[in-house]
Amino acid sequence: MDLKELKSSWTDAFSQPIMIAGPCSAESEAQMLETARRIRETQANVPIFRAGIWKPRTKPNGFEGVGVIGLNWLKKVKEEYGFKTATEVANAHHVFAALEADVDILWIGARSTVNPFTVQEIAMALRGTDKPVLVKNPVNPDLALWIGALERLLGQDIKNLGVIHRGFSTYQKTKYRNNPNWQIALDFKSQFPDIPMLIDPSHICGNRTGLADITQEAMNVGYQGAIIETHCSPDEAWSDASQQITPEVLAGLIGNLKMRNPGVEGFEGDMGRHRTLISDIDFQLIELLSQRMKISEKIGKLKKENDIAIFQPDRWKVITEYANQKAIETGMSQEFIEKLFKAIHEESIEVQNSIMINR
């Protein structure tokens, strides 16, 4: 079966949006049960409880999860509060332990998705399972790797598949922990409309303040749900404390979500997607311009130290020639590109001038 022929129907068992919530990391039985109890008491529509049992960390010697003992706590959450359960698996050992504990939904994390050997190992360990398996986008912005991970799972006769958009790492620090890069996620969604997609605003934002906006934006473009890190005492969490919220805040977020009718096609659906992509590109443009001006500051300091004039006619000539050439290559208006580069260059001169006169 080709991936484009796959129609994952596991989401039919849940009302939409499908909300998955729970702590980044399982820390203790008491923490798990209190979080689950409070989620249930809010009466928010959260059918699936998540917790990290094994936590791949960027650097060694950090908290990497409680391990297999945490699976017993997940079982107890299911028994006492009726949640379906979900956790991340990163190797065959994790898979076998999670299956033995009857975890209902498994996901493959971004650090694993980036490695085809790891995905293949997990896929072979999961061979033929009817449990839903979700794949987070790889850490780096590579659509082919994301698709390849799904294909490896399908190759092992795993058909209840879904994906999680958790954003992409970048060397440059921005307001996001991981840049959304909506274009990549929406390209995936366009190619595979029958594979459910969930948003992970916790890892995109890296903080609590932007969670609602990112989740709403995902609902606007037709995502099926969200996975949101929720902790009974977020500030005391052992991992990713700044991006976790309380069950009560989660309930408010869910209650304020506005769902777009998935049956609406044409103008409204296309308009929403285009606006999301424009917002994403605008954000990237502003970040790039900010980086450019920081480099201009460094150039201004060098010019001041060496008594060099700010305006260099030869440099401006190179910039305009390059801009005009790119306009021709891209089919854009040369007049527009020249105006744009002139505005950028003028701002760069202003930045350097402020360095020169110590403003």
Protein backbone atom coordinates (compact mmCIF):
# COMPACT_ATOMS: atom_id res chain seq x y z
CA MET A 1 0.00 0.00 0.00
CA ASP A 2 1.22 3.49 -0.86
CA LEU A 3 1.18 6.10 1.93
CA LYS A 4 -1.15 8.30 -0.16
CA GLU A 5 -3.70 5.47 -0.23
CA LEU A 6 -3.72 5.14 3.56
CA LYS A 7 -6.84 6.32 5.37
CA SER A 8 -6.17 6.29 9.11
CA SER A 9 -9.53 5.96 10.85
CA TRP A 10 -8.37 5.66 14.47
CA THR A 11 -9.48 9.24 15.10
CA ASP A 12 -13.12 8.23 14.54
CA ALA A 13 -13.19 6.94 18.12
CA PHE A 14 -12.66 10.48 19.46
CA SER A 15 -14.53 13.75 19.20
CA GLN A 16 -12.54 16.58 17.70
CA PRO A 17 -10.34 18.30 18.51
CA ILE A 18 -8.50 15.28 19.89
CA MET A 19 -6.75 16.55 23.00
CA ILE A 20 -3.78 14.71 24.52
CA ALA A 21 -2.56 16.15 27.81
CA GLY A 22 -0.35 15.27 30.73
CA PRO A 23 3.11 15.98 32.12
CA CYS A 24 6.25 16.23 30.04
CA SER A 25 7.76 13.61 32.34
CA ALA A 26 6.33 11.08 34.73
CA GLU A 27 7.91 11.96 38.08
CA SER A 28 5.95 10.05 40.68
CA GLU A 29 2.72 8.14 41.04
CA ALA A 30 1.27 10.97 43.11
CA GLN A 31 2.13 13.58 40.48
CA MET A 32 0.58 11.48 37.70
CA LEU A 33 -2.62 10.77 39.61
CA GLU A 34 -3.10 14.36 40.78
CA THR A 35 -2.62 15.70 37.27
CA ALA A 36 -5.05 13.14 35.87
CA ARG A 37 -7.61 13.82 38.60
CA ARG A 38 -7.55 17.54 38.04
CA ILE A 39 -7.82 17.19 34.26
CA ARG A 40 -10.86 14.96 34.78
CA GLU A 41 -12.40 17.34 37.34
CA THR A 42 -12.24 20.28 34.92
CA GLN A 43 -14.54 18.29 32.61
CA ALA A 44 -12.39 19.39 29.67
CA ASN A 45 -12.66 17.17 26.62
CA VAL A 46 -9.36 15.33 27.12
CA PRO A 47 -9.66 11.62 26.33
CA ILE A 48 -5.92 10.80 26.24
CA PHE A 49 -3.38 11.21 29.05
CA ARG A 50 0.29 11.50 28.06
CA ALA A 51 3.49 11.23 30.05
CA GLY A 52 7.16 10.91 29.12
CA ILE A 53 8.56 7.68 30.55
CA TRP A 54 11.91 7.90 28.75
CA LYS A 55 13.19 11.41 28.03
CA PRO A 56 15.90 11.91 25.40
CA ARG A 57 17.87 14.97 26.49
CA THR A 58 20.19 17.21 24.51
CA LYS A 59 23.01 16.96 27.06
CA PRO A 60 24.11 14.07 29.33
CA ASN A 61 23.65 13.88 33.08
CA GLY A 62 20.16 15.38 33.00
CA PHE A 63 16.89 13.75 34.00
CA GLU A 64 16.13 11.17 31.30
CA GLY A 65 12.91 9.75 32.68
CA VAL A 66 11.94 7.32 35.41
CA GLY A 67 11.88 4.36 33.05
CA VAL A 68 9.65 1.29 33.15
CA ILE A 69 8.25 2.00 36.62
CA GLY A 70 6.39 4.95 35.12
CA LEU A 71 4.37 2.60 32.93
CA ASN A 72 2.71 1.27 36.08
CA TRP A 73 1.64 4.82 36.94
CA LEU A 74 0.16 5.22 33.46
CA LYS A 75 -1.79 1.99 34.04
CA LYS A 76 -3.15 3.37 37.29
CA VAL A 77 -4.22 6.62 35.56
CA LYS A 78 -6.17 4.52 33.06
CA GLU A 79 -7.74 2.36 35.76
CA GLU A 80 -8.75 5.19 38.10
CA TYR A 81 -9.77 7.91 35.64
CA GLY A 82 -10.60 6.11 32.41
CA PHE A 83 -8.12 7.88 30.14
CA LYS A 84 -6.52 6.32 27.12
CA THR A 85 -2.75 6.60 27.62
CA ALA A 86 0.14 7.70 25.41
CA THR A 87 3.93 7.84 25.63
CA GLU A 88 7.02 8.28 23.49
CA VAL A 89 9.17 5.33 22.40
CA ALA A 90 12.72 5.71 21.12
CA ASN A 91 13.93 2.13 20.64
CA ALA A 92 12.72 -1.48 20.51
CA HIS A 93 13.09 -1.91 24.28
CA HIS A 94 10.72 0.98 24.87
CA VAL A 95 8.24 -0.47 22.38
CA PHE A 96 8.13 -3.91 23.99
CA ALA A 97 7.73 -2.43 27.47
CA ALA A 98 4.98 -0.04 26.37
CA LEU A 99 3.08 -2.77 24.54
CA GLU A 100 3.32 -5.07 27.54
CA ALA A 101 1.90 -2.26 29.70
CA ASP A 102 -0.92 -1.81 27.15
CA VAL A 103 -0.21 1.85 26.46
CA ASP A 104 -2.88 2.87 23.96
CA ILE A 105 -1.04 5.34 21.73
CA LEU A 106 2.68 5.61 21.01
CA TRP A 107 4.62 8.40 19.41
CA ILE A 108 8.08 8.69 17.89
CA GLY A 109 9.90 11.84 18.95
CA ALA A 110 11.64 14.42 16.77
CA ARG A 111 15.14 13.21 17.66
CA SER A 112 14.19 9.68 16.63
CA THR A 113 12.40 10.66 13.42
CA VAL A 114 15.60 12.21 12.13
CA ASN A 115 17.37 8.80 12.23
CA PRO A 116 16.08 6.21 9.70
CA PHE A 117 17.84 3.35 11.53
CA THR A 118 16.05 4.23 14.77
CA VAL A 119 12.69 4.51 13.02
CA GLN A 120 13.24 1.15 11.31
CA GLU A 121 14.06 -0.50 14.65
CA ILE A 122 10.91 0.92 16.21
CA ALA A 123 8.79 -0.02 13.20
CA MET A 124 9.99 -3.63 13.27
CA ALA A 125 9.29 -3.87 17.00
CA LEU A 126 5.77 -2.52 16.38
CA ARG A 127 5.12 -4.69 13.34
CA GLY A 128 1.42 -5.26 12.74
CA THR A 129 0.20 -3.37 15.83
CA ASP A 130 -3.25 -1.83 15.58
CA LYS A 131 -2.37 0.81 18.19
CA PRO A 132 -2.14 4.34 16.79
CA VAL A 133 1.44 5.41 16.19
CA LEU A 134 2.15 9.15 15.84
CA VAL A 135 5.32 10.57 14.31
CA LYS A 136 6.67 13.96 15.29
CA ASN A 137 8.36 16.00 12.60
CA PRO A 138 12.15 15.62 12.59
CA VAL A 139 14.21 18.19 14.47
CA ASN A 140 15.50 19.66 11.21
CA PRO A 141 13.15 21.00 8.50
CA ASP A 142 13.21 17.95 6.22
CA LEU A 143 9.86 16.86 4.81
CA ALA A 144 11.34 13.77 3.15
CA LEU A 145 12.56 12.41 6.51
CA TRP A 146 9.11 12.89 8.02
CA ILE A 147 7.42 11.10 5.14
CA GLY A 148 10.09 8.40 5.17
CA ALA A 149 9.38 7.59 8.81
CA LEU A 150 5.70 7.04 7.99
CA GLU A 151 6.64 4.84 5.04
CA ARG A 152 8.86 2.68 7.24
CA LEU A 153 5.98 2.15 9.66
CA LEU A 154 3.54 1.36 6.86
CA GLY A 155 6.12 -1.09 5.50
CA GLN A 156 5.71 -3.03 8.75
CA ASP A 157 1.93 -3.15 8.28
CA ILE A 158 1.24 -0.37 10.80
CA LYS A 159 -1.79 1.46 9.45
CA ASN A 160 -3.18 3.50 12.35
CA LEU A 161 -0.83 6.41 11.78
CA GLY A 162 -0.80 10.11 12.55
CA VAL A 163 1.70 12.95 12.76
CA ILE A 164 2.55 15.65 15.29
CA HIS A 165 3.79 19.07 14.21
CA ARG A 166 6.15 20.22 16.97
CA GLY A 167 8.20 22.80 15.08
CA PHE A 168 11.79 22.78 13.85
CA SER A 169 15.05 23.63 15.55
CA THR A 170 17.03 26.65 14.41
CA TYR A 171 20.45 27.95 15.31
CA GLN A 172 19.10 31.49 15.61
CA LYS A 173 17.06 32.04 18.75
CA THR A 174 13.58 33.50 18.19
CA LYS A 175 10.44 33.89 20.27
CA TYR A 176 9.77 30.22 19.55
CA ARG A 177 11.64 27.30 21.04
CA ASN A 178 11.11 25.57 17.70
CA ASN A 179 10.00 27.59 14.67
CA PRO A 180 6.63 26.39 13.36
CA ASN A 181 7.61 26.48 9.67
CA TRP A 182 3.94 26.03 8.80
CA GLN A 183 4.79 25.58 5.12
CA ILE A 184 6.41 22.19 5.77
CA ALA A 185 3.54 20.92 7.90
CA LEU A 186 0.92 22.14 5.43
CA ASP A 187 2.84 20.59 2.54
CA PHE A 188 2.62 17.28 4.42
CA LYS A 189 -1.07 17.82 5.06
CA SER A 190 -1.66 18.65 1.41
CA GLN A 191 0.09 15.48 0.22
CA PHE A 192 -1.51 13.19 2.82
CA PRO A 193 -4.90 14.69 3.75
CA ASP A 194 -6.13 11.39 5.25
CA ILE A 195 -3.32 11.13 7.81
CA PRO A 196 -4.39 12.94 11.01
CA MET A 197 -2.19 15.83 12.12
CA LEU A 198 -1.95 17.18 15.67
CA ILE A 199 -0.17 20.30 16.89
CA ASP A 200 2.35 20.31 19.75
CA PRO A 201 2.28 23.95 20.87
CA SER A 202 4.31 23.17 24.00
CA HIS A 203 7.44 22.38 22.02
CA ILE A 204 6.85 25.09 19.43
CA CYS A 205 6.46 27.84 22.04
CA GLY A 206 8.75 26.64 24.80
CA ASN A 207 6.65 28.79 27.14
CA ARG A 208 3.06 29.09 28.33
CA THR A 209 2.11 32.42 26.83
CA GLY A 210 1.83 31.42 23.17
CA LEU A 211 0.11 28.07 23.55
CA ALA A 212 -3.45 29.21 22.88
CA ASP A 213 -2.54 31.20 19.76
CA ILE A 214 -0.54 28.38 18.15
CA THR A 215 -3.24 25.82 18.97
CA GLN A 216 -5.95 28.04 17.50
CA GLU A 217 -3.90 28.65 14.37
CA ALA A 218 -3.58 24.90 13.89
CA MET A 219 -7.33 24.43 14.28
CA ASN A 220 -7.88 27.19 11.71
CA VAL A 221 -6.04 25.20 9.07
CA GLY A 222 -7.72 21.88 9.78
CA TYR A 223 -5.54 20.04 12.30
CA GLN A 224 -7.36 17.26 14.18
CA GLY A 225 -6.12 18.01 17.66
CA ALA A 226 -3.28 18.95 20.00
CA ILE A 227 -0.85 17.42 22.48
CA ILE A 228 -0.26 19.85 25.36
CA GLU A 229 2.06 19.37 28.32
CA THR A 230 0.05 19.68 31.54
CA HIS A 231 1.35 19.32 35.10
CA CYS A 232 -0.24 19.60 38.53
CA SER A 233 2.63 21.93 39.63
CA PRO A 234 4.29 23.23 36.44
CA ASP A 235 6.87 25.43 38.14
CA GLU A 236 8.20 22.40 40.02
CA ALA A 237 8.37 20.11 36.98
CA TRP A 238 11.57 18.13 36.50
CA SER A 239 11.70 18.90 32.78
CA ASP A 240 10.44 21.72 30.53
CA ALA A 241 8.77 23.53 33.42
CA SER A 242 8.31 26.80 31.53
CA GLN A 243 6.11 25.29 28.82
CA GLN A 244 3.76 23.25 31.02
CA ILE A 245 0.38 24.47 32.27
CA THR A 246 -2.03 23.44 35.00
CA PRO A 247 -5.10 21.33 34.24
CA GLU A 248 -7.29 24.34 34.97
CA VAL A 249 -5.45 26.55 32.46
CA LEU A 250 -5.69 23.70 29.94
CA ALA A 251 -9.45 23.58 30.38
CA GLY A 252 -9.69 27.30 29.69
CA LEU A 253 -7.55 26.95 26.57
CA ILE A 254 -9.71 24.14 25.23
CA GLY A 255 -12.92 25.97 26.11
CA ASN A 256 -11.83 29.01 24.08
CA LEU A 257 -10.84 27.09 20.96
CA LYS A 258 -12.92 27.78 17.88
CA MET A 259 -13.14 24.83 15.53
CA ARG A 260 -13.32 25.23 11.77
CA ASN A 261 -15.83 22.97 10.06
CA PRO A 262 -13.69 20.32 8.31
CA GLY A 263 -16.30 20.15 5.57
CA VAL A 264 -15.77 23.77 4.53
CA GLU A 265 -13.78 23.86 1.31
CA GLY A 266 -12.84 26.49 -1.18
CA PHE A 267 -12.43 30.12 -0.30
CA GLU A 268 -12.50 30.04 3.52
CA GLY A 269 -10.25 26.99 3.87
CA ASP A 270 -7.73 28.21 1.32
CA MET A 271 -7.78 31.72 2.76
CA GLY A 272 -6.97 30.42 6.24
CA ARG A 273 -4.03 28.37 4.98
CA HIS A 274 -2.65 31.24 2.89
CA ARG A 275 -2.92 33.67 5.80
CA THR A 276 -1.10 31.25 8.10
CA LEU A 277 1.72 30.87 5.58
CA ILE A 278 1.98 34.63 5.07
CA SER A 279 2.19 35.17 8.84
CA ASP A 280 4.92 32.53 9.04
CA ILE A 281 6.92 34.14 6.22
CA ASP A 282 6.44 37.62 7.71
CA PHE A 283 7.84 36.35 11.02
CA GLN A 284 10.87 34.87 9.24
CA LEU A 285 11.45 38.12 7.31
CA ILE A 286 11.44 40.18 10.49
CA GLU A 287 13.82 37.75 12.22
CA LEU A 288 16.19 37.85 9.23
CA LEU A 289 16.09 41.64 9.08
CA SER A 290 16.86 41.77 12.79
CA GLN A 291 19.88 39.54 12.24
CA ARG A 292 20.98 41.72 9.31
CA MET A 293 20.85 44.87 11.42
CA LYS A 294 22.90 43.22 14.16
CA ILE A 295 25.58 42.52 11.56
CA SER A 296 25.31 46.17 10.45
CA GLU A 297 26.06 47.17 14.04
CA LYS A 298 29.26 45.12 13.94
CA ILE A 299 30.22 46.71 10.62
CA GLY A 300 29.52 50.15 12.09
CA LYS A 301 31.90 49.44 14.98
CA LEU A 302 34.62 48.32 12.57
CA LYS A 303 34.16 51.44 10.44
CA LYS A 304 34.34 53.65 13.53
CA GLU A 305 37.50 51.95 14.77
CA ASN A 306 39.15 52.39 11.36
CA ASP A 307 37.74 55.85 10.50
CA ILE A 308 35.96 54.60 7.38
CA ALA A 309 32.99 56.46 5.90
CA ILE A 310 29.61 54.82 6.45
CA PHE A 311 28.35 55.10 2.88
CA GLN A 312 30.34 53.09 0.36
CA PRO A 313 29.10 53.76 -3.22
CA ASP A 314 30.77 50.65 -4.63
CA ARG A 315 29.02 48.49 -2.05
CA TRP A 316 25.64 50.06 -2.86
CA LYS A 317 26.26 49.37 -6.55
CA VAL A 318 26.92 45.69 -5.80
CA ILE A 319 23.74 45.46 -3.69
CA THR A 320 21.51 47.02 -6.38
CA GLU A 321 22.98 44.86 -9.14
CA TYR A 322 22.44 41.74 -7.07
CA ALA A 323 18.89 42.78 -6.18
CA ASN A 324 18.02 43.43 -9.81
CA GLN A 325 19.45 40.08 -10.85
CA LYS A 326 17.39 38.25 -8.20
CA ALA A 327 14.30 40.13 -9.33
CA ILE A 328 14.82 38.84 -12.87
CA GLU A 329 15.41 35.27 -11.64
CA THR A 330 12.29 35.23 -9.48
CA GLY A 331 10.01 37.12 -11.84
CA MET A 332 9.44 39.93 -9.36
CA SER A 333 9.29 43.63 -10.13
CA GLN A 334 12.78 45.15 -10.30
CA GLU A 335 11.33 48.44 -9.08
CA PHE A 336 9.84 46.79 -6.01
CA ILE A 337 13.03 44.89 -5.17
CA GLU A 338 15.13 48.02 -5.56
CA LYS A 339 12.79 49.98 -3.27
CA LEU A 340 12.95 47.19 -0.70
CA PHE A 341 16.73 46.97 -0.73
CA LYS A 342 17.03 50.76 -0.65
CA ALA A 343 14.89 50.85 2.51
CA ILE A 344 16.99 48.10 4.10
CA HIS A 345 20.23 49.82 3.12
CA GLU A 346 19.04 53.17 4.50
CA GLU A 347 18.14 51.56 7.82
CA SER A 348 21.55 49.88 7.87
CA ILE A 349 23.22 53.27 7.37
CA GLU A 350 21.12 54.70 10.21
CA VAL A 351 22.18 51.85 12.50
CA GLN A 352 25.85 52.40 11.64
CA ASN A 353 25.51 56.16 12.01
CA SER A 354 24.16 55.71 15.55
CA ILE A 355 27.31 53.73 16.34
CA MET A 356 29.52 56.45 14.86
CA ILE A 357 28.06 59.24 16.97
CA ASN A 358 27.62 57.08 20.08
CA ARG A 359 23.85 57.45 20.27
